[in-house]
Amino acid sequence: MCRCGMLIDKKPPFKVVRTNGHDEVLARAANLLVGRAAFERAAWLHPKDVIEYRKGAQVIERREAQRQTP
């Protein structure tokens, strides 16, 4: 909240996104390292999905889906 009494709605710049036909935001972070930790955990929890670590529209890192071998 600023001094003038207006609320400022700012979303944290870093986000972890699962892309499976549409974008699903799994986490948001204001800190680069916290966002990176969330990205690593999301990649571990969702190995069959594509996971992206983004700052706005910029993709910082992308983890491709792991394919299972028969």
PDB file of N, CA and C in Angstrom:
ATOM      1  N   MET A   1       0.847  -1.181   0.000  1.00  0.00           N
ATOM      2  CA  MET A   1       0.000   0.000   0.000  1.00  0.00           C
ATOM      3  C   MET A   1       0.889   1.239   0.000  1.00  0.00           C
ATOM      4  N   CYS A   2       0.585   2.163  -0.843  1.00  0.00           N
ATOM      5  CA  CYS A   2       1.395   3.383  -0.905  1.00  0.00           C
ATOM      6  C   CYS A   2       0.822   4.441   0.035  1.00  0.00           C
ATOM      7  N   ARG A   3       1.531   5.537   0.168  1.00  0.00           N
ATOM      8  CA  ARG A   3       1.117   6.602   1.080  1.00  0.00           C
ATOM      9  C   ARG A   3      -0.208   7.242   0.695  1.00  0.00           C
ATOM     10  N   CYS A   4      -0.525   7.195  -0.586  1.00  0.00           N
ATOM     11  CA  CYS A   4      -1.757   7.844  -1.023  1.00  0.00           C
ATOM     12  C   CYS A   4      -2.992   6.994  -0.723  1.00  0.00           C
ATOM     13  N   GLY A   5      -2.796   5.771  -0.210  1.00  0.00           N
ATOM     14  CA  GLY A   5      -3.923   4.932   0.154  1.00  0.00           C
ATOM     15  C   GLY A   5      -4.383   3.990  -0.951  1.00  0.00           C
ATOM     16  N   MET A   6      -3.727   4.053  -2.104  1.00  0.00           N
ATOM     17  CA  MET A   6      -4.109   3.177  -3.209  1.00  0.00           C
ATOM     18  C   MET A   6      -3.372   1.841  -3.092  1.00  0.00           C
ATOM     19  N   LEU A   7      -4.055   0.785  -3.411  1.00  0.00           N
ATOM     20  CA  LEU A   7      -3.423  -0.525  -3.421  1.00  0.00           C
ATOM     21  C   LEU A   7      -2.684  -0.726  -4.736  1.00  0.00           C
ATOM     22  N   ILE A   8      -1.494  -1.254  -4.641  1.00  0.00           N
ATOM     23  CA  ILE A   8      -0.718  -1.548  -5.833  1.00  0.00           C
ATOM     24  C   ILE A   8      -0.698  -3.063  -5.993  1.00  0.00           C
ATOM     25  N   ASP A   9      -1.257  -3.544  -7.091  1.00  0.00           N
ATOM     26  CA  ASP A   9      -1.336  -4.981  -7.333  1.00  0.00           C
ATOM     27  C   ASP A   9      -0.200  -5.386  -8.270  1.00  0.00           C
ATOM     28  N   LYS A  10       0.876  -5.919  -7.697  1.00  0.00           N
ATOM     29  CA  LYS A  10       2.007  -6.369  -8.497  1.00  0.00           C
ATOM     30  C   LYS A  10       2.193  -7.859  -8.275  1.00  0.00           C
ATOM     31  N   LYS A  11       2.258  -8.592  -9.367  1.00  0.00           N
ATOM     32  CA  LYS A  11       2.528 -10.019  -9.274  1.00  0.00           C
ATOM     33  C   LYS A  11       4.035 -10.220  -9.283  1.00  0.00           C
ATOM     34  N   PRO A  12       4.521 -11.205  -8.549  1.00  0.00           N
ATOM     35  CA  PRO A  12       5.957 -11.492  -8.580  1.00  0.00           C
ATOM     36  C   PRO A  12       6.407 -11.806 -10.019  1.00  0.00           C
ATOM     37  N   PRO A  13       7.614 -11.391 -10.393  1.00  0.00           N
ATOM     38  CA  PRO A  13       8.040 -11.511 -11.788  1.00  0.00           C
ATOM     39  C   PRO A  13       8.373 -12.933 -12.247  1.00  0.00           C
ATOM     40  N   PHE A  14       8.800 -13.803 -11.347  1.00  0.00           N
ATOM     41  CA  PHE A  14       9.202 -15.153 -11.732  1.00  0.00           C
ATOM     42  C   PHE A  14       8.042 -16.117 -11.553  1.00  0.00           C
ATOM     43  N   LYS A  15       7.888 -17.031 -12.525  1.00  0.00           N
ATOM     44  CA  LYS A  15       6.829 -18.023 -12.390  1.00  0.00           C
ATOM     45  C   LYS A  15       7.255 -19.356 -12.984  1.00  0.00           C
ATOM     46  N   VAL A  16       6.674 -20.402 -12.442  1.00  0.00           N
ATOM     47  CA  VAL A  16       6.888 -21.762 -12.912  1.00  0.00           C
ATOM     48  C   VAL A  16       5.598 -22.196 -13.586  1.00  0.00           C
ATOM     49  N   VAL A  17       5.719 -22.631 -14.843  1.00  0.00           N
ATOM     50  CA  VAL A  17       4.544 -22.920 -15.654  1.00  0.00           C
ATOM     51  C   VAL A  17       4.617 -24.343 -16.191  1.00  0.00           C
ATOM     52  N   ARG A  18       3.504 -25.067 -16.067  1.00  0.00           N
ATOM     53  CA  ARG A  18       3.376 -26.386 -16.694  1.00  0.00           C
ATOM     54  C   ARG A  18       2.600 -26.177 -17.982  1.00  0.00           C
ATOM     55  N   THR A  19       3.210 -26.570 -19.103  1.00  0.00           N
ATOM     56  CA  THR A  19       2.564 -26.396 -20.398  1.00  0.00           C
ATOM     57  C   THR A  19       2.097 -27.753 -20.901  1.00  0.00           C
ATOM     58  N   ASN A  20       0.816 -27.959 -20.850  1.00  0.00           N
ATOM     59  CA  ASN A  20       0.219 -29.217 -21.309  1.00  0.00           C
ATOM     60  C   ASN A  20      -1.027 -28.899 -22.137  1.00  0.00           C
ATOM     61  N   GLY A  21      -0.808 -28.215 -23.229  1.00  0.00           N
ATOM     62  CA  GLY A  21      -1.927 -27.779 -24.059  1.00  0.00           C
ATOM     63  C   GLY A  21      -2.350 -26.359 -23.723  1.00  0.00           C
ATOM     64  N   HIS A  22      -2.221 -26.004 -22.470  1.00  0.00           N
ATOM     65  CA  HIS A  22      -2.453 -24.633 -22.022  1.00  0.00           C
ATOM     66  C   HIS A  22      -1.470 -24.362 -20.882  1.00  0.00           C
ATOM     67  N   ASP A  23      -1.251 -23.114 -20.560  1.00  0.00           N
ATOM     68  CA  ASP A  23      -0.307 -22.761 -19.503  1.00  0.00           C
ATOM     69  C   ASP A  23      -0.991 -22.810 -18.140  1.00  0.00           C
ATOM     70  N   GLU A  24      -0.376 -23.539 -17.226  1.00  0.00           N
ATOM     71  CA  GLU A  24      -0.869 -23.624 -15.845  1.00  0.00           C
ATOM     72  C   GLU A  24       0.244 -23.125 -14.930  1.00  0.00           C
ATOM     73  N   VAL A  25       0.013 -22.010 -14.260  1.00  0.00           N
ATOM     74  CA  VAL A  25       1.015 -21.449 -13.359  1.00  0.00           C
ATOM     75  C   VAL A  25       1.019 -22.272 -12.070  1.00  0.00           C
ATOM     76  N   LEU A  26       2.170 -22.875 -11.783  1.00  0.00           N
ATOM     77  CA  LEU A  26       2.307 -23.702 -10.581  1.00  0.00           C
ATOM     78  C   LEU A  26       2.827 -22.905  -9.396  1.00  0.00           C
ATOM     79  N   ALA A  27       3.666 -21.889  -9.664  1.00  0.00           N
ATOM     80  CA  ALA A  27       4.247 -21.099  -8.575  1.00  0.00           C
ATOM     81  C   ALA A  27       4.649 -19.729  -9.094  1.00  0.00           C
ATOM     82  N   ARG A  28       4.675 -18.760  -8.189  1.00  0.00           N
ATOM     83  CA  ARG A  28       5.191 -17.420  -8.476  1.00  0.00           C
ATOM     84  C   ARG A  28       6.179 -17.077  -7.376  1.00  0.00           C
ATOM     85  N   ALA A  29       7.209 -16.307  -7.740  1.00  0.00           N
ATOM     86  CA  ALA A  29       8.213 -15.921  -6.755  1.00  0.00           C
ATOM     87  C   ALA A  29       8.750 -14.530  -7.080  1.00  0.00           C
ATOM     88  N   ALA A  30       9.091 -13.796  -6.041  1.00  0.00           N
ATOM     89  CA  ALA A  30       9.689 -12.484  -6.201  1.00  0.00           C
ATOM     90  C   ALA A  30      11.212 -12.587  -6.230  1.00  0.00           C
ATOM     91  N   ASN A  31      11.747 -13.733  -5.844  1.00  0.00           N
ATOM     92  CA  ASN A  31      13.182 -13.945  -5.736  1.00  0.00           C
ATOM     93  C   ASN A  31      13.625 -14.993  -6.745  1.00  0.00           C
ATOM     94  N   LEU A  32      14.734 -14.751  -7.432  1.00  0.00           N
ATOM     95  CA  LEU A  32      15.249 -15.666  -8.447  1.00  0.00           C
ATOM     96  C   LEU A  32      15.537 -17.051  -7.875  1.00  0.00           C
ATOM     97  N   LEU A  33      16.182 -17.128  -6.718  1.00  0.00           N
ATOM     98  CA  LEU A  33      16.550 -18.419  -6.136  1.00  0.00           C
ATOM     99  C   LEU A  33      15.338 -19.207  -5.642  1.00  0.00           C
ATOM    100  N   VAL A  34      14.368 -18.524  -5.081  1.00  0.00           N
ATOM    101  CA  VAL A  34      13.149 -19.196  -4.628  1.00  0.00           C
ATOM    102  C   VAL A  34      12.380 -19.733  -5.839  1.00  0.00           C
ATOM    103  N   GLY A  35      12.309 -18.945  -6.899  1.00  0.00           N
ATOM    104  CA  GLY A  35      11.668 -19.399  -8.127  1.00  0.00           C
ATOM    105  C   GLY A  35      12.376 -20.596  -8.726  1.00  0.00           C
ATOM    106  N   ARG A  36      13.708 -20.578  -8.675  1.00  0.00           N
ATOM    107  CA  ARG A  36      14.498 -21.699  -9.199  1.00  0.00           C
ATOM    108  C   ARG A  36      14.229 -22.974  -8.398  1.00  0.00           C
ATOM    109  N   ALA A  37      14.124 -22.859  -7.093  1.00  0.00           N
ATOM    110  CA  ALA A  37      13.809 -24.012  -6.252  1.00  0.00           C
ATOM    111  C   ALA A  37      12.410 -24.550  -6.573  1.00  0.00           C
ATOM    112  N   ALA A  38      11.471 -23.661  -6.805  1.00  0.00           N
ATOM    113  CA  ALA A  38      10.113 -24.087  -7.171  1.00  0.00           C
ATOM    114  C   ALA A  38      10.122 -24.786  -8.528  1.00  0.00           C
ATOM    115  N   PHE A  39      10.945 -24.288  -9.454  1.00  0.00           N
ATOM    116  CA  PHE A  39      11.073 -24.919 -10.768  1.00  0.00           C
ATOM    117  C   PHE A  39      11.627 -26.338 -10.640  1.00  0.00           C
ATOM    118  N   GLU A  40      12.677 -26.499  -9.857  1.00  0.00           N
ATOM    119  CA  GLU A  40      13.280 -27.829  -9.660  1.00  0.00           C
ATOM    120  C   GLU A  40      12.280 -28.801  -9.037  1.00  0.00           C
ATOM    121  N   ARG A  41      11.530 -28.343  -8.065  1.00  0.00           N
ATOM    122  CA  ARG A  41      10.542 -29.204  -7.402  1.00  0.00           C
ATOM    123  C   ARG A  41       9.410 -29.563  -8.360  1.00  0.00           C
ATOM    124  N   ALA A  42       8.963 -28.613  -9.148  1.00  0.00           N
ATOM    125  CA  ALA A  42       7.884 -28.874 -10.109  1.00  0.00           C
ATOM    126  C   ALA A  42       8.338 -29.882 -11.163  1.00  0.00           C
ATOM    127  N   ALA A  43       9.582 -29.764 -11.628  1.00  0.00           N
ATOM    128  CA  ALA A  43      10.117 -30.712 -12.603  1.00  0.00           C
ATOM    129  C   ALA A  43      10.198 -32.111 -12.008  1.00  0.00           C
ATOM    130  N   TRP A  44      10.521 -32.195 -10.726  1.00  0.00           N
ATOM    131  CA  TRP A  44      10.592 -33.487 -10.035  1.00  0.00           C
ATOM    132  C   TRP A  44       9.193 -34.084  -9.828  1.00  0.00           C
ATOM    133  N   LEU A  45       8.221 -33.238  -9.504  1.00  0.00           N
ATOM    134  CA  LEU A  45       6.859 -33.711  -9.241  1.00  0.00           C
ATOM    135  C   LEU A  45       6.097 -34.065 -10.515  1.00  0.00           C
ATOM    136  N   HIS A  46       6.426 -33.420 -11.622  1.00  0.00           N
ATOM    137  CA  HIS A  46       5.705 -33.612 -12.885  1.00  0.00           C
ATOM    138  C   HIS A  46       6.667 -34.012 -14.008  1.00  0.00           C
ATOM    139  N   PRO A  47       7.271 -35.201 -13.926  1.00  0.00           N
ATOM    140  CA  PRO A  47       8.277 -35.591 -14.923  1.00  0.00           C
ATOM    141  C   PRO A  47       7.707 -35.820 -16.327  1.00  0.00           C
ATOM    142  N   LYS A  48       6.408 -36.045 -16.448  1.00  0.00           N
ATOM    143  CA  LYS A  48       5.799 -36.315 -17.750  1.00  0.00           C
ATOM    144  C   LYS A  48       5.324 -35.054 -18.463  1.00  0.00           C
ATOM    145  N   ASP A  49       5.497 -33.894 -17.825  1.00  0.00           N
ATOM    146  CA  ASP A  49       5.034 -32.627 -18.390  1.00  0.00           C
ATOM    147  C   ASP A  49       6.206 -31.705 -18.702  1.00  0.00           C
ATOM    148  N   VAL A  50       5.977 -30.768 -19.597  1.00  0.00           N
ATOM    149  CA  VAL A  50       6.960 -29.732 -19.892  1.00  0.00           C
ATOM    150  C   VAL A  50       6.811 -28.647 -18.826  1.00  0.00           C
ATOM    151  N   ILE A  51       7.925 -28.291 -18.179  1.00  0.00           N
ATOM    152  CA  ILE A  51       7.924 -27.278 -17.133  1.00  0.00           C
ATOM    153  C   ILE A  51       8.834 -26.141 -17.586  1.00  0.00           C
ATOM    154  N   GLU A  52       8.342 -24.909 -17.461  1.00  0.00           N
ATOM    155  CA  GLU A  52       9.134 -23.740 -17.833  1.00  0.00           C
ATOM    156  C   GLU A  52       9.294 -22.801 -16.643  1.00  0.00           C
ATOM    157  N   TYR A  53      10.474 -22.204 -16.560  1.00  0.00           N
ATOM    158  CA  TYR A  53      10.755 -21.187 -15.553  1.00  0.00           C
ATOM    159  C   TYR A  53      10.830 -19.866 -16.306  1.00  0.00           C
ATOM    160  N   ARG A  54       9.954 -18.925 -15.980  1.00  0.00           N
ATOM    161  CA  ARG A  54       9.820 -17.699 -16.762  1.00  0.00           C
ATOM    162  C   ARG A  54       9.962 -16.451 -15.908  1.00  0.00           C
ATOM    163  N   LYS A  55      10.397 -15.403 -16.585  1.00  0.00           N
ATOM    164  CA  LYS A  55      10.319 -14.045 -16.035  1.00  0.00           C
ATOM    165  C   LYS A  55       9.545 -13.259 -17.068  1.00  0.00           C
ATOM    166  N   GLY A  56       8.286 -13.026 -16.805  1.00  0.00           N
ATOM    167  CA  GLY A  56       7.401 -12.417 -17.793  1.00  0.00           C
ATOM    168  C   GLY A  56       7.211 -13.382 -18.949  1.00  0.00           C
ATOM    169  N   ALA A  57       7.446 -12.926 -20.165  1.00  0.00           N
ATOM    170  CA  ALA A  57       7.319 -13.788 -21.339  1.00  0.00           C
ATOM    171  C   ALA A  57       8.625 -14.511 -21.664  1.00  0.00           C
ATOM    172  N   GLN A  58       9.716 -14.111 -21.011  1.00  0.00           N
ATOM    173  CA  GLN A  58      11.029 -14.706 -21.270  1.00  0.00           C
ATOM    174  C   GLN A  58      11.150 -16.052 -20.560  1.00  0.00           C
ATOM    175  N   VAL A  59      11.518 -17.085 -21.304  1.00  0.00           N
ATOM    176  CA  VAL A  59      11.733 -18.403 -20.724  1.00  0.00           C
ATOM    177  C   VAL A  59      13.182 -18.488 -20.266  1.00  0.00           C
ATOM    178  N   ILE A  60      13.381 -18.644 -18.961  1.00  0.00           N
ATOM    179  CA  ILE A  60      14.725 -18.742 -18.396  1.00  0.00           C
ATOM    180  C   ILE A  60      15.253 -20.164 -18.569  1.00  0.00           C
ATOM    181  N   GLU A  61      14.408 -21.138 -18.284  1.00  0.00           N
ATOM    182  CA  GLU A  61      14.791 -22.541 -18.446  1.00  0.00           C
ATOM    183  C   GLU A  61      13.559 -23.362 -18.775  1.00  0.00           C
ATOM    184  N   ARG A  62      13.792 -24.435 -19.536  1.00  0.00           N
ATOM    185  CA  ARG A  62      12.696 -25.317 -19.941  1.00  0.00           C
ATOM    186  C   ARG A  62      13.129 -26.755 -19.708  1.00  0.00           C
ATOM    187  N   ARG A  63      12.292 -27.524 -19.042  1.00  0.00           N
ATOM    188  CA  ARG A  63      12.558 -28.933 -18.805  1.00  0.00           C
ATOM    189  C   ARG A  63      11.554 -29.742 -19.606  1.00  0.00           C
ATOM    190  N   GLU A  64      12.050 -30.491 -20.581  1.00  0.00           N
ATOM    191  CA  GLU A  64      11.194 -31.303 -21.444  1.00  0.00           C
ATOM    192  C   GLU A  64      10.634 -32.497 -20.673  1.00  0.00           C
ATOM    193  N   ALA A  65       9.534 -33.029 -21.163  1.00  0.00           N
ATOM    194  CA  ALA A  65       8.913 -34.205 -20.551  1.00  0.00           C
ATOM    195  C   ALA A  65       9.823 -35.406 -20.729  1.00  0.00           C
ATOM    196  N   GLN A  66       9.944 -36.193 -19.665  1.00  0.00           N
ATOM    197  CA  GLN A  66      10.734 -37.415 -19.746  1.00  0.00           C
ATOM    198  C   GLN A  66       9.884 -38.522 -20.320  1.00  0.00           C
ATOM    199  N   ARG A  67      10.451 -39.240 -21.243  1.00  0.00           N
ATOM    200  CA  ARG A  67       9.721 -40.349 -21.865  1.00  0.00           C
ATOM    201  C   ARG A  67      10.146 -41.644 -21.218  1.00  0.00           C
ATOM    202  N   GLN A  68       9.181 -42.481 -20.966  1.00  0.00           N
ATOM    203  CA  GLN A  68       9.479 -43.779 -20.365  1.00  0.00           C
ATOM    204  C   GLN A  68       9.822 -44.772 -21.461  1.00  0.00           C
ATOM    205  N   THR A  69      10.853 -45.533 -21.221  1.00  0.00           N
ATOM    206  CA  THR A  69      11.223 -46.571 -22.188  1.00  0.00           C
ATOM    207  C   THR A  69      10.572 -47.886 -21.791  1.00  0.00           C
ATOM    208  N   PRO A  70      10.047 -48.628 -22.764  1.00  0.00           N
ATOM    209  CA  PRO A  70       9.355 -49.884 -22.424  1.00  0.00           C
ATOM    210  C   PRO A  70      10.307 -50.972 -22.003  1.00  0.00           C
TER     211      PRO A  70
END
